[in-house]
Amino acid sequence: MTTSRVDRADFLKGAAAAGVAAAATGVPQVTFAQAPRTIKIGLVQPMTGPLAFFTEHMPFVLAQIKGKIGTSIDVGGTKHPYEIVIKDSQSSPNRASEVARELILQDKVDLIATYATPETVNPVSDQCELNGVPCISNDAPLEPYFFGRKGDPKKGFEWTYHFFFSAGTLAKAMLAYWNKLPTDKVLGGLWGNDGDGIAQSKVFAAEFTTAGYKVVDPGRFDMPASNYNAQIAAFSSGHCDIIQGVLPPPEFTTFWNGVAQQGYKPKSVYVGKACEFPEPIYALHDRCIGLTVETWWSKFHPYSSHLIGLTSRQLADSWEDAEKRQYSMALGFRHALWEVVFDVLKRTQDVNKAASIRDAIRTTKYESIVGPIDFRTGPFPNCAETPLVVSQWFKGSKYPYELAIVDNSTTPAVPVAHKPELIHY
């Protein structure tokens, strides 16, 4: 199927050959200006379903970028219009795979961008790999992205590239944070039967045990779940001071309500996905105070966008001024996705060849608003690792509840704003 993709690109190039003229690109390879044509970029995202929180910033980001750069992009001296074709994964891996195929086979996109957990990123990336279409993604930890797709560290992938934090770094960050808290070092693993949960159960259980923590793991479970009574009972009877897991917001609400109903009072609770967004946190009222979450980006991060010329704080402020509501860490990664997409296209030698776009992705070394992105550094092939810190939710000054960075052991450049605290009941 890769062959058919290249053949189509070659045909398009041949059709425009009469208007080709030499042009400089600012890179050391020889390239040629080409007749303008619309570059089609596919975007797969969960606009509906339990992962819909992940998409809230995207319309704002796209409008902001369009307002800055317009409706065309300069590639090798030629202004090409661009079109973004958006598809809803409906928070379903199967649907994500289907709409990725539609983008490739029906919409004939040149490049696909995607994000929002392995349930979206992995099936989309797999379709791109199968069909020889370049793909750029973020917002899924590196291990479930790479190994969840049966990646071979000796070979890597050909067409698909991804940037986010790694589970290994997350484990180190969380251990540094927990070691500052007075607990009995007994941890309950709330790991579901999905990409994130399976990866965390494999990586974290060993890491935490080696670090001197006892891990209580009741096993994988399917979602949605009507209740979490079995998990809560295992954690309570196991005297777990710490809960660590990963659940979508509606699932965590069910779990956290069950914890209260059963009178269980863990001292520290970190659940990824669920504790990353303000709106689900507001719904918990004061029961959110002290909850912990890994933080991939914030307005306090010392990075800027080279695409629109804003600092992290300015980007967060622009969202809050326009939307009249609190930003979340996802905003930075929605923006960074397009930083990389447009940087890649600008560096592409021949936009009519999928392999040329792929080669530009492969050589990406870019300073983004979420930090440095370099696909040549790993820790796995086709991957770039981005910085990470740890935060907790506390009473806010501008908003009812706000995240404060409490540990920066893995990224000292990001300032700490609050000391770590146990949950108060």
Protein backbone atom coordinates (compact mmCIF):
# COMPACT_ATOMS: atom_id res chain seq x y z
CA MET A 1 0.00 0.00 0.00
CA THR A 2 3.00 2.27 0.47
CA THR A 3 3.73 1.91 -3.24
CA SER A 4 0.31 3.22 -4.23
CA ARG A 5 0.78 6.22 -2.00
CA VAL A 6 4.10 7.12 -3.61
CA ASP A 7 2.69 6.55 -7.09
CA ARG A 8 -0.11 9.01 -6.41
CA ALA A 9 2.36 11.60 -5.15
CA ASP A 10 4.57 11.08 -8.19
CA PHE A 11 1.57 11.62 -10.44
CA LEU A 12 0.79 14.92 -8.73
CA LYS A 13 4.38 16.00 -9.05
CA GLY A 14 4.40 15.11 -12.75
CA ALA A 15 1.24 17.09 -13.35
CA ALA A 16 2.89 20.19 -11.94
CA ALA A 17 6.29 19.63 -13.54
CA ALA A 18 5.82 22.26 -16.26
CA GLY A 19 5.75 25.01 -13.65
CA VAL A 20 8.71 23.83 -11.57
CA ALA A 21 11.54 26.29 -10.94
CA ALA A 22 14.60 26.24 -8.67
CA ALA A 23 14.25 27.87 -5.25
CA ALA A 24 16.26 28.08 -2.04
CA THR A 25 14.78 26.65 1.17
CA GLY A 26 17.32 27.56 3.80
CA VAL A 27 18.34 23.90 4.25
CA PRO A 28 21.46 22.32 2.79
CA GLN A 29 19.67 20.08 0.25
CA VAL A 30 18.71 21.02 -3.29
CA THR A 31 14.97 21.56 -3.72
CA PHE A 32 12.65 22.99 -6.34
CA ALA A 33 9.68 25.33 -6.16
CA GLN A 34 6.46 23.59 -7.18
CA ALA A 35 3.11 24.74 -8.46
CA PRO A 36 0.87 25.69 -5.52
CA ARG A 37 -1.63 23.05 -4.45
CA THR A 38 -3.68 22.49 -1.32
CA ILE A 39 -1.84 20.50 1.33
CA LYS A 40 -4.39 18.35 3.15
CA ILE A 41 -3.79 17.59 6.84
CA GLY A 42 -6.01 15.06 8.58
CA LEU A 43 -6.84 15.49 12.27
CA VAL A 44 -8.31 12.66 14.36
CA GLN A 45 -9.55 13.60 17.83
CA PRO A 46 -12.17 12.42 20.38
CA MET A 47 -14.80 15.14 20.01
CA THR A 48 -17.44 13.03 21.76
CA GLY A 49 -17.41 10.31 24.41
CA PRO A 50 -15.45 10.06 27.70
CA LEU A 51 -12.24 11.50 26.17
CA ALA A 52 -13.94 14.63 24.79
CA PHE A 53 -12.28 16.77 27.48
CA PHE A 54 -9.03 16.32 25.57
CA THR A 55 -10.32 18.31 22.58
CA GLU A 56 -11.63 21.45 24.31
CA HIS A 57 -8.65 23.63 23.34
CA MET A 58 -8.33 22.60 19.70
CA PRO A 59 -10.82 25.03 18.07
CA PHE A 60 -9.16 27.92 19.92
CA VAL A 61 -5.66 26.79 18.93
CA LEU A 62 -6.58 26.37 15.26
CA ALA A 63 -8.24 29.79 15.13
CA GLN A 64 -5.27 31.40 16.86
CA ILE A 65 -2.77 29.84 14.45
CA LYS A 66 -4.84 30.75 11.39
CA GLY A 67 -5.05 34.32 12.64
CA LYS A 68 -1.26 34.44 12.86
CA ILE A 69 -0.08 32.57 9.75
CA GLY A 70 -3.12 32.81 7.48
CA THR A 71 -4.40 30.07 5.20
CA SER A 72 -1.19 29.13 3.38
CA ILE A 73 2.28 27.89 4.20
CA ASP A 74 5.58 28.63 2.47
CA VAL A 75 7.37 25.48 1.30
CA GLY A 76 10.51 25.96 -0.73
CA GLY A 77 9.51 29.44 -1.84
CA THR A 78 5.97 28.50 -2.89
CA LYS A 79 2.85 29.46 -0.96
CA HIS A 80 0.64 26.36 -0.63
CA PRO A 81 -2.89 26.64 0.78
CA TYR A 82 -3.55 24.14 3.56
CA GLU A 83 -6.75 22.41 4.58
CA ILE A 84 -7.36 20.60 7.88
CA VAL A 85 -9.87 17.74 7.61
CA ILE A 86 -11.21 16.84 11.07
CA LYS A 87 -12.66 13.49 12.12
CA ASP A 88 -14.22 12.44 15.43
CA SER A 89 -12.92 9.20 16.94
CA GLN A 90 -15.89 9.18 19.36
CA SER A 91 -13.41 8.05 22.05
CA SER A 92 -13.35 4.62 20.37
CA PRO A 93 -10.18 2.89 19.10
CA ASN A 94 -12.17 1.15 16.38
CA ARG A 95 -13.73 4.40 15.22
CA ALA A 96 -10.33 6.13 15.33
CA SER A 97 -8.99 3.46 12.97
CA GLU A 98 -12.00 3.82 10.65
CA VAL A 99 -11.79 7.59 10.30
CA ALA A 100 -8.03 7.42 9.78
CA ARG A 101 -8.69 5.09 6.84
CA GLU A 102 -11.25 7.56 5.51
CA LEU A 103 -8.72 10.37 5.67
CA ILE A 104 -6.15 8.27 3.83
CA LEU A 105 -8.26 6.53 1.20
CA GLN A 106 -11.10 8.99 0.61
CA ASP A 107 -9.82 12.43 1.60
CA LYS A 108 -6.30 11.69 0.28
CA VAL A 109 -4.56 13.64 3.03
CA ASP A 110 -0.82 14.30 2.87
CA LEU A 111 -0.25 14.07 6.62
CA ILE A 112 -2.24 13.05 9.70
CA ALA A 113 -2.06 14.63 13.16
CA THR A 114 -3.63 13.03 16.22
CA TYR A 115 -3.54 13.07 20.02
CA ALA A 116 -5.43 12.11 23.21
CA THR A 117 -4.40 8.79 24.81
CA PRO A 118 -3.33 5.49 23.20
CA GLU A 119 -6.99 4.76 22.42
CA THR A 120 -6.84 7.47 19.76
CA VAL A 121 -3.17 7.71 18.86
CA ASN A 122 -2.33 4.03 18.41
CA PRO A 123 -5.05 2.96 15.94
CA VAL A 124 -4.56 6.12 13.88
CA SER A 125 -0.79 5.60 13.80
CA ASP A 126 -1.25 1.96 12.82
CA GLN A 127 -3.38 2.95 9.83
CA CYS A 128 -0.79 5.50 8.75
CA GLU A 129 2.00 2.95 9.08
CA LEU A 130 0.03 0.43 7.04
CA ASN A 131 -0.75 2.89 4.25
CA GLY A 132 2.53 4.80 4.09
CA VAL A 133 1.16 8.14 5.29
CA PRO A 134 3.21 10.42 7.58
CA CYS A 135 1.75 10.85 11.06
CA ILE A 136 2.63 13.16 13.96
CA SER A 137 1.03 12.62 17.37
CA ASN A 138 1.28 13.48 21.05
CA ASP A 139 -0.57 13.11 24.35
CA ALA A 140 -0.04 9.40 25.01
CA PRO A 141 2.87 8.18 27.16
CA LEU A 142 5.72 6.77 25.09
CA GLU A 143 5.58 3.19 26.36
CA PRO A 144 1.90 2.49 25.55
CA TYR A 145 2.41 4.28 22.24
CA PHE A 146 5.51 2.36 21.17
CA PHE A 147 5.11 -1.04 22.81
CA GLY A 148 1.32 -0.95 22.61
CA ARG A 149 1.82 -0.95 18.84
CA LYS A 150 4.28 -3.86 19.13
CA GLY A 151 7.19 -1.61 18.30
CA ASP A 152 10.63 -3.18 17.97
CA PRO A 153 13.34 -0.98 19.56
CA LYS A 154 15.82 -2.27 16.97
CA LYS A 155 13.65 -1.22 14.02
CA GLY A 156 11.12 1.38 15.06
CA PHE A 157 8.42 2.53 12.65
CA GLU A 158 8.66 4.03 9.18
CA TRP A 159 5.89 6.64 8.98
CA THR A 160 4.71 7.47 12.48
CA TYR A 161 6.28 9.81 15.06
CA HIS A 162 5.22 10.79 18.56
CA PHE A 163 6.19 13.15 21.40
CA PHE A 164 5.15 13.07 25.07
CA PHE A 165 6.49 12.03 28.47
CA SER A 166 7.65 8.49 29.21
CA ALA A 167 6.28 6.20 31.89
CA GLY A 168 9.83 5.69 33.12
CA THR A 169 10.29 9.40 33.81
CA LEU A 170 6.82 9.60 35.33
CA ALA A 171 7.72 6.81 37.78
CA LYS A 172 10.86 8.71 38.82
CA ALA A 173 8.89 11.94 39.23
CA MET A 174 6.19 10.30 41.34
CA LEU A 175 8.70 8.50 43.55
CA ALA A 176 10.56 11.75 44.20
CA TYR A 177 7.25 13.34 45.18
CA TRP A 178 5.96 10.47 47.33
CA ASN A 179 9.27 10.19 49.15
CA LYS A 180 8.61 13.70 50.51
CA LEU A 181 5.30 12.60 52.04
CA PRO A 182 4.88 10.74 55.38
CA THR A 183 3.27 7.48 54.20
CA ASP A 184 3.73 3.76 54.90
CA LYS A 185 4.82 3.27 51.26
CA VAL A 186 1.94 0.92 50.46
CA LEU A 187 0.51 1.70 47.03
CA GLY A 188 -2.67 0.58 45.29
CA GLY A 189 -2.53 0.24 41.50
CA LEU A 190 -5.73 1.43 39.80
CA TRP A 191 -4.82 0.18 36.34
CA GLY A 192 -7.57 -0.58 33.82
CA ASN A 193 -7.59 -2.93 30.86
CA ASP A 194 -6.66 -0.26 28.30
CA GLY A 195 -3.41 0.97 26.74
CA ASP A 196 -2.43 3.27 29.59
CA GLY A 197 -3.49 0.91 32.34
CA ILE A 198 -1.70 -2.11 30.91
CA ALA A 199 1.50 -0.13 30.31
CA GLN A 200 1.47 1.38 33.80
CA SER A 201 0.88 -1.98 35.45
CA LYS A 202 3.92 -3.38 33.66
CA VAL A 203 6.27 -0.43 34.19
CA PHE A 204 5.19 1.00 37.52
CA ALA A 205 4.72 -2.12 39.62
CA ALA A 206 8.36 -3.09 39.14
CA GLU A 207 9.66 0.48 39.53
CA PHE A 208 7.74 1.10 42.75
CA THR A 209 8.66 -2.27 44.25
CA THR A 210 12.34 -1.72 43.51
CA ALA A 211 12.09 1.68 45.21
CA GLY A 212 10.86 0.05 48.42
CA TYR A 213 7.10 0.41 48.01
CA LYS A 214 4.64 -2.44 48.49
CA VAL A 215 2.24 -2.62 45.54
CA VAL A 216 -1.34 -3.91 45.87
CA ASP A 217 -2.63 -4.71 42.37
CA PRO A 218 -6.22 -6.06 42.16
CA GLY A 219 -5.77 -6.69 38.42
CA ARG A 220 -7.03 -5.17 35.18
CA PHE A 221 -10.67 -4.14 34.75
CA ASP A 222 -12.84 -3.06 31.84
CA MET A 223 -14.42 0.36 31.46
CA PRO A 224 -16.95 1.79 31.81
CA ALA A 225 -17.44 0.24 35.24
CA SER A 226 -20.62 0.52 37.27
CA ASN A 227 -18.60 0.61 40.49
CA TYR A 228 -15.10 0.12 41.87
CA ASN A 229 -16.05 -1.77 45.02
CA ALA A 230 -13.59 -4.62 44.42
CA GLN A 231 -10.65 -2.27 43.90
CA ILE A 232 -11.56 -0.09 46.89
CA ALA A 233 -11.92 -3.15 49.12
CA ALA A 234 -8.49 -4.43 48.04
CA PHE A 235 -6.85 -1.06 48.68
CA SER A 236 -8.56 -0.58 52.02
CA SER A 237 -7.80 -4.07 53.33
CA GLY A 238 -4.24 -3.72 52.03
CA HIS A 239 -3.83 -0.48 54.02
CA CYS A 240 -2.79 1.46 50.92
CA ASP A 241 -1.78 5.02 51.80
CA ILE A 242 -1.26 5.84 48.13
CA ILE A 243 -3.45 5.29 45.07
CA GLN A 244 -1.88 5.52 41.62
CA GLY A 245 -3.78 4.91 38.42
CA VAL A 246 -5.16 6.23 35.17
CA LEU A 247 -8.88 6.69 34.40
CA PRO A 248 -11.04 8.96 32.22
CA PRO A 249 -12.86 11.66 34.23
CA PRO A 250 -16.27 9.88 34.48
CA GLU A 251 -14.60 6.69 35.74
CA PHE A 252 -12.62 8.51 38.40
CA THR A 253 -15.77 10.23 39.65
CA THR A 254 -17.35 6.80 40.14
CA PHE A 255 -14.23 5.55 41.93
CA TRP A 256 -13.82 8.63 44.15
CA ASN A 257 -17.49 8.63 45.15
CA GLY A 258 -17.14 4.96 46.10
CA VAL A 259 -14.08 5.77 48.21
CA ALA A 260 -16.10 8.32 50.18
CA GLN A 261 -19.09 6.02 50.56
CA GLN A 262 -16.93 3.24 51.99
CA GLY A 263 -15.05 5.51 54.39
CA TYR A 264 -11.64 4.77 52.88
CA LYS A 265 -9.16 7.65 53.29
CA PRO A 266 -5.93 7.25 51.27
CA LYS A 267 -3.28 9.88 52.02
CA SER A 268 -2.20 10.51 48.42
CA VAL A 269 -4.17 9.90 45.22
CA TYR A 270 -2.74 10.32 41.73
CA VAL A 271 -4.97 9.33 38.79
CA GLY A 272 -3.88 10.39 35.31
CA LYS A 273 -6.38 11.65 32.70
CA ALA A 274 -9.09 12.36 35.28
CA CYS A 275 -7.17 14.95 37.29
CA GLU A 276 -5.77 16.85 34.32
CA PHE A 277 -8.80 19.03 33.52
CA PRO A 278 -10.49 21.74 35.62
CA GLU A 279 -14.15 20.97 34.81
CA PRO A 280 -14.15 17.37 36.15
CA ILE A 281 -12.20 18.61 39.16
CA TYR A 282 -14.80 21.31 39.90
CA ALA A 283 -17.47 18.62 40.01
CA LEU A 284 -15.70 17.03 42.99
CA HIS A 285 -15.86 20.30 44.98
CA ASP A 286 -13.50 20.37 47.98
CA ARG A 287 -12.92 16.63 47.66
CA CYS A 288 -10.49 17.49 44.88
CA ILE A 289 -8.10 19.33 47.21
CA GLY A 290 -4.81 17.48 47.47
CA LEU A 291 -5.36 15.24 44.44
CA THR A 292 -2.15 14.74 42.48
CA VAL A 293 -1.44 14.69 38.75
CA GLU A 294 1.56 14.59 36.45
CA THR A 295 1.87 17.93 34.68
CA TRP A 296 3.14 17.97 31.10
CA TRP A 297 2.78 21.73 30.61
CA SER A 298 1.66 24.82 32.50
CA LYS A 299 1.81 28.59 32.23
CA PHE A 300 4.86 28.38 34.49
CA HIS A 301 6.91 26.33 32.01
CA PRO A 302 9.85 28.37 30.61
CA TYR A 303 9.11 27.67 26.93
CA SER A 304 7.68 29.68 24.03
CA SER A 305 5.99 29.12 20.68
CA HIS A 306 8.02 29.97 17.59
CA LEU A 307 4.87 29.62 15.51
CA ILE A 308 2.90 32.51 17.04
CA GLY A 309 5.50 34.13 19.29
CA LEU A 310 3.87 33.61 22.70
CA THR A 311 5.35 32.42 25.99
CA SER A 312 3.64 29.65 27.96
CA ARG A 313 2.07 32.21 30.28
CA GLN A 314 0.88 34.33 27.35
CA LEU A 315 -0.70 31.30 25.67
CA ALA A 316 -2.55 30.34 28.86
CA ASP A 317 -3.65 33.96 29.41
CA SER A 318 -4.87 34.26 25.81
CA TRP A 319 -7.06 31.19 26.29
CA GLU A 320 -8.52 32.44 29.56
CA ASP A 321 -9.13 35.93 28.17
CA ALA A 322 -10.90 34.56 25.08
CA GLU A 323 -12.80 31.66 26.65
CA LYS A 324 -13.45 33.11 30.11
CA ARG A 325 -12.49 29.86 31.78
CA GLN A 326 -9.45 28.12 33.21
CA TYR A 327 -6.80 26.66 30.94
CA SER A 328 -5.50 23.12 31.36
CA MET A 329 -2.18 21.47 30.61
CA ALA A 330 -3.59 20.07 27.36
CA LEU A 331 -3.52 23.55 25.79
CA GLY A 332 0.24 23.51 25.39
CA PHE A 333 0.24 20.15 23.64
CA ARG A 334 -2.61 21.09 21.31
CA HIS A 335 -0.51 24.05 20.23
CA ALA A 336 2.76 22.10 20.06
CA LEU A 337 1.19 19.53 17.74
CA TRP A 338 0.70 22.24 15.11
CA GLU A 339 4.09 23.78 15.81
CA VAL A 340 5.65 20.50 14.72
CA VAL A 341 3.26 19.95 11.79
CA PHE A 342 3.99 23.35 10.25
CA ASP A 343 7.71 23.15 10.99
CA VAL A 344 7.82 19.79 9.20
CA LEU A 345 5.94 21.07 6.16
CA LYS A 346 8.20 24.12 5.87
CA ARG A 347 11.25 21.84 5.83
CA THR A 348 9.81 19.31 3.38
CA GLN A 349 11.77 19.09 0.14
CA ASP A 350 8.87 17.86 -1.99
CA VAL A 351 5.36 18.11 -0.54
CA ASN A 352 4.09 15.87 -3.34
CA LYS A 353 6.04 12.93 -1.94
CA ALA A 354 4.97 11.24 1.27
CA ALA A 355 8.54 10.03 1.83
CA SER A 356 9.81 13.61 1.73
CA ILE A 357 7.34 14.69 4.43
CA ARG A 358 8.35 11.63 6.46
CA ASP A 359 12.02 12.55 6.16
CA ALA A 360 11.31 16.05 7.44
CA ILE A 361 9.54 14.57 10.47
CA ARG A 362 12.41 12.17 11.09
CA THR A 363 14.94 15.03 11.31
CA THR A 364 12.82 17.27 13.54
CA LYS A 365 14.76 19.16 16.20
CA TYR A 366 12.46 21.88 17.42
CA GLU A 367 12.12 24.12 20.48
CA SER A 368 8.38 24.11 21.17
CA ILE A 369 6.10 25.60 23.77
CA VAL A 370 6.17 22.26 25.65
CA GLY A 371 9.96 21.95 25.46
CA PRO A 372 12.54 20.48 23.06
CA ILE A 373 11.28 17.91 20.52
CA ASP A 374 13.91 15.74 18.82
CA PHE A 375 12.79 12.47 17.24
CA ARG A 376 16.39 11.27 17.00
CA THR A 377 16.90 11.10 20.77
CA GLY A 378 14.25 8.61 21.86
CA PRO A 379 14.20 6.96 24.37
CA PHE A 380 12.50 4.76 21.76
CA PRO A 381 12.68 5.00 17.96
CA ASN A 382 10.25 7.50 16.39
CA CYS A 383 9.72 9.11 19.80
CA ALA A 384 10.71 12.33 21.54
CA GLU A 385 10.40 12.73 25.29
CA THR A 386 9.04 15.99 26.71
CA PRO A 387 9.49 17.42 30.25
CA LEU A 388 7.34 16.50 33.23
CA VAL A 389 6.64 17.79 36.75
CA VAL A 390 4.16 16.89 39.53
CA SER A 391 1.28 19.08 40.75
CA GLN A 392 -1.57 19.01 43.26
CA TRP A 393 -4.97 20.68 43.27
CA PHE A 394 -5.51 23.36 45.92
CA LYS A 395 -7.95 26.20 46.58
CA GLY A 396 -7.32 28.84 43.94
CA SER A 397 -7.06 32.62 43.85
CA LYS A 398 -8.52 33.26 40.38
CA TYR A 399 -10.46 29.99 40.01
CA PRO A 400 -12.10 27.76 42.64
CA TYR A 401 -9.29 25.20 42.37
CA GLU A 402 -5.90 25.52 40.71
CA LEU A 403 -2.92 23.27 40.08
CA ALA A 404 0.29 24.12 41.91
CA ILE A 405 3.60 22.49 41.00
CA VAL A 406 4.90 20.59 44.04
CA ASP A 407 7.87 18.65 42.64
CA ASN A 408 10.25 19.38 39.77
CA SER A 409 12.85 16.68 40.35
CA THR A 410 12.80 15.58 36.70
CA THR A 411 12.58 19.13 35.26
CA PRO A 412 14.29 21.67 37.55
CA ALA A 413 13.75 24.48 35.02
CA VAL A 414 10.05 24.55 35.97
CA PRO A 415 9.61 26.37 39.32
CA VAL A 416 7.91 24.77 42.33
CA ALA A 417 5.03 26.82 43.74
CA HIS A 418 3.82 24.78 46.73
CA LYS A 419 5.10 22.13 49.11
CA PRO A 420 3.68 18.59 48.75
CA GLU A 421 0.77 17.82 51.08
CA LEU A 422 -1.29 14.84 52.18
CA ILE A 423 -5.03 14.83 51.45
CA HIS A 424 -6.98 16.33 54.35
CA TYR A 425 -10.36 14.79 55.19
